[in-house]
Amino acid sequence: MYAKCSECEAQINVPDDAVSGEIVTCPDCGLNYEVVKGENEVSLRLAESMSEDWGE
């Protein structure tokens, strides 16, 4: 399956065996997306970026 990057509109390959929560990356701009699987569909949403809190 392919999806379109919301930033640069490149085609992102989503493997057929991808599971919900898996991260896929746009090959052109490097933006990360999280795979969201519904009953009959697979979609992508922008992955939240992880940052360190340095113990605060």
PDB file of N, CA and C in Angstrom:
ATOM      1  N   MET A   1       0.832  -1.178   0.000  1.00  0.00           N
ATOM      2  CA  MET A   1       0.000   0.000   0.000  1.00  0.00           C
ATOM      3  C   MET A   1       0.879   1.245   0.000  1.00  0.00           C
ATOM      4  N   TYR A   2       0.413   2.268  -0.645  1.00  0.00           N
ATOM      5  CA  TYR A   2       1.128   3.534  -0.662  1.00  0.00           C
ATOM      6  C   TYR A   2       0.245   4.630  -0.081  1.00  0.00           C
ATOM      7  N   ALA A   3       0.871   5.580   0.580  1.00  0.00           N
ATOM      8  CA  ALA A   3       0.174   6.756   1.092  1.00  0.00           C
ATOM      9  C   ALA A   3       0.975   7.977   0.667  1.00  0.00           C
ATOM     10  N   LYS A   4       0.343   9.135   0.713  1.00  0.00           N
ATOM     11  CA  LYS A   4       1.004  10.362   0.284  1.00  0.00           C
ATOM     12  C   LYS A   4       1.457  11.167   1.498  1.00  0.00           C
ATOM     13  N   CYS A   5       2.678  11.647   1.460  1.00  0.00           N
ATOM     14  CA  CYS A   5       3.229  12.486   2.527  1.00  0.00           C
ATOM     15  C   CYS A   5       2.492  13.826   2.522  1.00  0.00           C
ATOM     16  N   SER A   6       2.079  14.277   3.696  1.00  0.00           N
ATOM     17  CA  SER A   6       1.355  15.548   3.794  1.00  0.00           C
ATOM     18  C   SER A   6       2.283  16.750   3.637  1.00  0.00           C
ATOM     19  N   GLU A   7       3.572  16.544   3.800  1.00  0.00           N
ATOM     20  CA  GLU A   7       4.539  17.646   3.699  1.00  0.00           C
ATOM     21  C   GLU A   7       5.026  17.847   2.268  1.00  0.00           C
ATOM     22  N   CYS A   8       5.505  16.772   1.641  1.00  0.00           N
ATOM     23  CA  CYS A   8       6.128  16.915   0.318  1.00  0.00           C
ATOM     24  C   CYS A   8       5.380  16.153  -0.785  1.00  0.00           C
ATOM     25  N   GLU A   9       4.318  15.441  -0.415  1.00  0.00           N
ATOM     26  CA  GLU A   9       3.479  14.681  -1.341  1.00  0.00           C
ATOM     27  C   GLU A   9       4.179  13.505  -2.015  1.00  0.00           C
ATOM     28  N   ALA A  10       5.279  13.039  -1.445  1.00  0.00           N
ATOM     29  CA  ALA A  10       5.955  11.844  -1.958  1.00  0.00           C
ATOM     30  C   ALA A  10       5.138  10.604  -1.597  1.00  0.00           C
ATOM     31  N   GLN A  11       5.348   9.524  -2.326  1.00  0.00           N
ATOM     32  CA  GLN A  11       4.690   8.260  -2.040  1.00  0.00           C
ATOM     33  C   GLN A  11       5.439   7.541  -0.925  1.00  0.00           C
ATOM     34  N   ILE A  12       4.712   7.122   0.109  1.00  0.00           N
ATOM     35  CA  ILE A  12       5.286   6.381   1.235  1.00  0.00           C
ATOM     36  C   ILE A  12       4.798   4.948   1.131  1.00  0.00           C
ATOM     37  N   ASN A  13       5.724   4.002   1.109  1.00  0.00           N
ATOM     38  CA  ASN A  13       5.377   2.591   1.054  1.00  0.00           C
ATOM     39  C   ASN A  13       5.019   2.108   2.453  1.00  0.00           C
ATOM     40  N   VAL A  14       3.800   1.611   2.616  1.00  0.00           N
ATOM     41  CA  VAL A  14       3.354   1.030   3.878  1.00  0.00           C
ATOM     42  C   VAL A  14       3.281  -0.478   3.671  1.00  0.00           C
ATOM     43  N   PRO A  15       4.128  -1.244   4.362  1.00  0.00           N
ATOM     44  CA  PRO A  15       4.136  -2.704   4.163  1.00  0.00           C
ATOM     45  C   PRO A  15       2.771  -3.321   4.462  1.00  0.00           C
ATOM     46  N   ASP A  16       2.435  -4.377   3.734  1.00  0.00           N
ATOM     47  CA  ASP A  16       1.157  -5.064   3.927  1.00  0.00           C
ATOM     48  C   ASP A  16       1.030  -5.636   5.333  1.00  0.00           C
ATOM     49  N   ASP A  17       2.164  -5.999   5.948  1.00  0.00           N
ATOM     50  CA  ASP A  17       2.118  -6.602   7.281  1.00  0.00           C
ATOM     51  C   ASP A  17       2.362  -5.578   8.395  1.00  0.00           C
ATOM     52  N   ALA A  18       2.241  -4.280   8.082  1.00  0.00           N
ATOM     53  CA  ALA A  18       2.431  -3.235   9.093  1.00  0.00           C
ATOM     54  C   ALA A  18       1.340  -3.342  10.159  1.00  0.00           C
ATOM     55  N   VAL A  19       1.703  -3.049  11.402  1.00  0.00           N
ATOM     56  CA  VAL A  19       0.756  -3.091  12.512  1.00  0.00           C
ATOM     57  C   VAL A  19       0.507  -1.677  13.028  1.00  0.00           C
ATOM     58  N   SER A  20      -0.618  -1.483  13.703  1.00  0.00           N
ATOM     59  CA  SER A  20      -0.917  -0.179  14.282  1.00  0.00           C
ATOM     60  C   SER A  20       0.202   0.245  15.222  1.00  0.00           C
ATOM     61  N   GLY A  21       0.592   1.495  15.110  1.00  0.00           N
ATOM     62  CA  GLY A  21       1.654   2.023  15.955  1.00  0.00           C
ATOM     63  C   GLY A  21       3.027   1.963  15.320  1.00  0.00           C
ATOM     64  N   GLU A  22       3.159   1.214  14.235  1.00  0.00           N
ATOM     65  CA  GLU A  22       4.446   1.118  13.540  1.00  0.00           C
ATOM     66  C   GLU A  22       4.754   2.464  12.882  1.00  0.00           C
ATOM     67  N   ILE A  23       6.021   2.822  12.856  1.00  0.00           N
ATOM     68  CA  ILE A  23       6.453   4.090  12.279  1.00  0.00           C
ATOM     69  C   ILE A  23       7.004   3.844  10.877  1.00  0.00           C
ATOM     70  N   VAL A  24       6.520   4.648   9.919  1.00  0.00           N
ATOM     71  CA  VAL A  24       7.069   4.641   8.565  1.00  0.00           C
ATOM     72  C   VAL A  24       7.586   6.050   8.280  1.00  0.00           C
ATOM     73  N   THR A  25       8.614   6.130   7.453  1.00  0.00           N
ATOM     74  CA  THR A  25       9.270   7.400   7.184  1.00  0.00           C
ATOM     75  C   THR A  25       9.167   7.758   5.713  1.00  0.00           C
ATOM     76  N   CYS A  26       8.914   9.029   5.444  1.00  0.00           N
ATOM     77  CA  CYS A  26       8.876   9.510   4.070  1.00  0.00           C
ATOM     78  C   CYS A  26      10.292   9.438   3.499  1.00  0.00           C
ATOM     79  N   PRO A  27      10.446   8.816   2.328  1.00  0.00           N
ATOM     80  CA  PRO A  27      11.781   8.671   1.748  1.00  0.00           C
ATOM     81  C   PRO A  27      12.369   9.993   1.242  1.00  0.00           C
ATOM     82  N   ASP A  28      11.530  10.993   1.005  1.00  0.00           N
ATOM     83  CA  ASP A  28      12.023  12.265   0.468  1.00  0.00           C
ATOM     84  C   ASP A  28      12.363  13.278   1.555  1.00  0.00           C
ATOM     85  N   CYS A  29      11.416  13.542   2.469  1.00  0.00           N
ATOM     86  CA  CYS A  29      11.652  14.596   3.463  1.00  0.00           C
ATOM     87  C   CYS A  29      11.991  14.071   4.852  1.00  0.00           C
ATOM     88  N   GLY A  30      11.803  12.763   5.100  1.00  0.00           N
ATOM     89  CA  GLY A  30      12.187  12.168   6.379  1.00  0.00           C
ATOM     90  C   GLY A  30      11.159  12.305   7.486  1.00  0.00           C
ATOM     91  N   LEU A  31       9.961  12.813   7.179  1.00  0.00           N
ATOM     92  CA  LEU A  31       8.910  12.959   8.177  1.00  0.00           C
ATOM     93  C   LEU A  31       8.426  11.577   8.605  1.00  0.00           C
ATOM     94  N   ASN A  32       8.170  11.392   9.906  1.00  0.00           N
ATOM     95  CA  ASN A  32       7.724  10.110  10.441  1.00  0.00           C
ATOM     96  C   ASN A  32       6.216  10.089  10.598  1.00  0.00           C
ATOM     97  N   TYR A  33       5.626   8.953  10.225  1.00  0.00           N
ATOM     98  CA  TYR A  33       4.188   8.747  10.345  1.00  0.00           C
ATOM     99  C   TYR A  33       3.927   7.471  11.123  1.00  0.00           C
ATOM    100  N   GLU A  34       2.825   7.462  11.867  1.00  0.00           N
ATOM    101  CA  GLU A  34       2.398   6.288  12.601  1.00  0.00           C
ATOM    102  C   GLU A  34       1.285   5.602  11.817  1.00  0.00           C
ATOM    103  N   VAL A  35       1.393   4.282  11.686  1.00  0.00           N
ATOM    104  CA  VAL A  35       0.379   3.500  10.981  1.00  0.00           C
ATOM    105  C   VAL A  35      -0.831   3.337  11.905  1.00  0.00           C
ATOM    106  N   VAL A  36      -2.017   3.618  11.370  1.00  0.00           N
ATOM    107  CA  VAL A  36      -3.269   3.439  12.108  1.00  0.00           C
ATOM    108  C   VAL A  36      -4.131   2.482  11.298  1.00  0.00           C
ATOM    109  N   LYS A  37      -4.431   1.322  11.877  1.00  0.00           N
ATOM    110  CA  LYS A  37      -5.237   0.324  11.177  1.00  0.00           C
ATOM    111  C   LYS A  37      -6.642   0.318  11.730  1.00  0.00           C
ATOM    112  N   GLY A  38      -7.610   0.449  10.824  1.00  0.00           N
ATOM    113  CA  GLY A  38      -9.020   0.319  11.176  1.00  0.00           C
ATOM    114  C   GLY A  38      -9.501  -1.055  10.746  1.00  0.00           C
ATOM    115  N   GLU A  39     -10.800  -1.251  10.752  1.00  0.00           N
ATOM    116  CA  GLU A  39     -11.339  -2.552  10.353  1.00  0.00           C
ATOM    117  C   GLU A  39     -11.037  -2.873   8.901  1.00  0.00           C
ATOM    118  N   ASN A  40     -11.246  -1.893   8.012  1.00  0.00           N
ATOM    119  CA  ASN A  40     -11.067  -2.146   6.585  1.00  0.00           C
ATOM    120  C   ASN A  40     -10.121  -1.165   5.920  1.00  0.00           C
ATOM    121  N   GLU A  41      -9.380  -0.403   6.712  1.00  0.00           N
ATOM    122  CA  GLU A  41      -8.512   0.597   6.109  1.00  0.00           C
ATOM    123  C   GLU A  41      -7.234   0.786   6.919  1.00  0.00           C
ATOM    124  N   VAL A  42      -6.250   1.314   6.238  1.00  0.00           N
ATOM    125  CA  VAL A  42      -4.991   1.666   6.870  1.00  0.00           C
ATOM    126  C   VAL A  42      -4.731   3.126   6.546  1.00  0.00           C
ATOM    127  N   SER A  43      -4.391   3.907   7.560  1.00  0.00           N
ATOM    128  CA  SER A  43      -4.093   5.319   7.327  1.00  0.00           C
ATOM    129  C   SER A  43      -2.829   5.693   8.100  1.00  0.00           C
ATOM    130  N   LEU A  44      -2.334   6.874   7.812  1.00  0.00           N
ATOM    131  CA  LEU A  44      -1.148   7.377   8.486  1.00  0.00           C
ATOM    132  C   LEU A  44      -1.486   8.662   9.205  1.00  0.00           C
ATOM    133  N   ARG A  45      -0.871   8.855  10.366  1.00  0.00           N
ATOM    134  CA  ARG A  45      -0.970  10.137  11.053  1.00  0.00           C
ATOM    135  C   ARG A  45       0.434  10.545  11.465  1.00  0.00           C
ATOM    136  N   LEU A  46       0.630  11.831  11.555  1.00  0.00           N
ATOM    137  CA  LEU A  46       1.933  12.367  11.906  1.00  0.00           C
ATOM    138  C   LEU A  46       2.365  11.807  13.252  1.00  0.00           C
ATOM    139  N   ALA A  47       3.556  11.244  13.316  1.00  0.00           N
ATOM    140  CA  ALA A  47       4.062  10.662  14.559  1.00  0.00           C
ATOM    141  C   ALA A  47       4.508  11.777  15.495  1.00  0.00           C
ATOM    142  N   GLU A  48       4.203  11.594  16.768  1.00  0.00           N
ATOM    143  CA  GLU A  48       4.646  12.557  17.760  1.00  0.00           C
ATOM    144  C   GLU A  48       6.149  12.412  17.945  1.00  0.00           C
ATOM    145  N   SER A  49       6.819  13.542  18.065  1.00  0.00           N
ATOM    146  CA  SER A  49       8.266  13.482  18.249  1.00  0.00           C
ATOM    147  C   SER A  49       8.577  13.270  19.717  1.00  0.00           C
ATOM    148  N   MET A  50       9.523  12.409  19.964  1.00  0.00           N
ATOM    149  CA  MET A  50       9.969  12.123  21.309  1.00  0.00           C
ATOM    150  C   MET A  50      11.080  13.091  21.674  1.00  0.00           C
ATOM    151  N   SER A  51      11.007  13.621  22.855  1.00  0.00           N
ATOM    152  CA  SER A  51      12.083  14.494  23.290  1.00  0.00           C
ATOM    153  C   SER A  51      12.481  14.113  24.704  1.00  0.00           C
ATOM    154  N   GLU A  52      13.703  14.408  25.031  1.00  0.00           N
ATOM    155  CA  GLU A  52      14.187  14.090  26.361  1.00  0.00           C
ATOM    156  C   GLU A  52      13.774  15.188  27.327  1.00  0.00           C
ATOM    157  N   ASP A  53      13.448  14.784  28.549  1.00  0.00           N
ATOM    158  CA  ASP A  53      13.046  15.779  29.534  1.00  0.00           C
ATOM    159  C   ASP A  53      14.181  16.122  30.500  1.00  0.00           C
ATOM    160  N   TRP A  54      15.296  15.436  30.360  1.00  0.00           N
ATOM    161  CA  TRP A  54      16.478  15.688  31.176  1.00  0.00           C
ATOM    162  C   TRP A  54      16.168  15.699  32.667  1.00  0.00           C
ATOM    163  N   GLY A  55      15.223  14.856  33.065  1.00  0.00           N
ATOM    164  CA  GLY A  55      14.930  14.695  34.485  1.00  0.00           C
ATOM    165  C   GLY A  55      14.133  15.818  35.112  1.00  0.00           C
ATOM    166  N   GLU A  56      13.536  16.656  34.302  1.00  0.00           N
ATOM    167  CA  GLU A  56      12.761  17.779  34.848  1.00  0.00           C
ATOM    168  C   GLU A  56      11.396  17.342  35.281  1.00  0.00           C
TER     169      GLU A  56
END
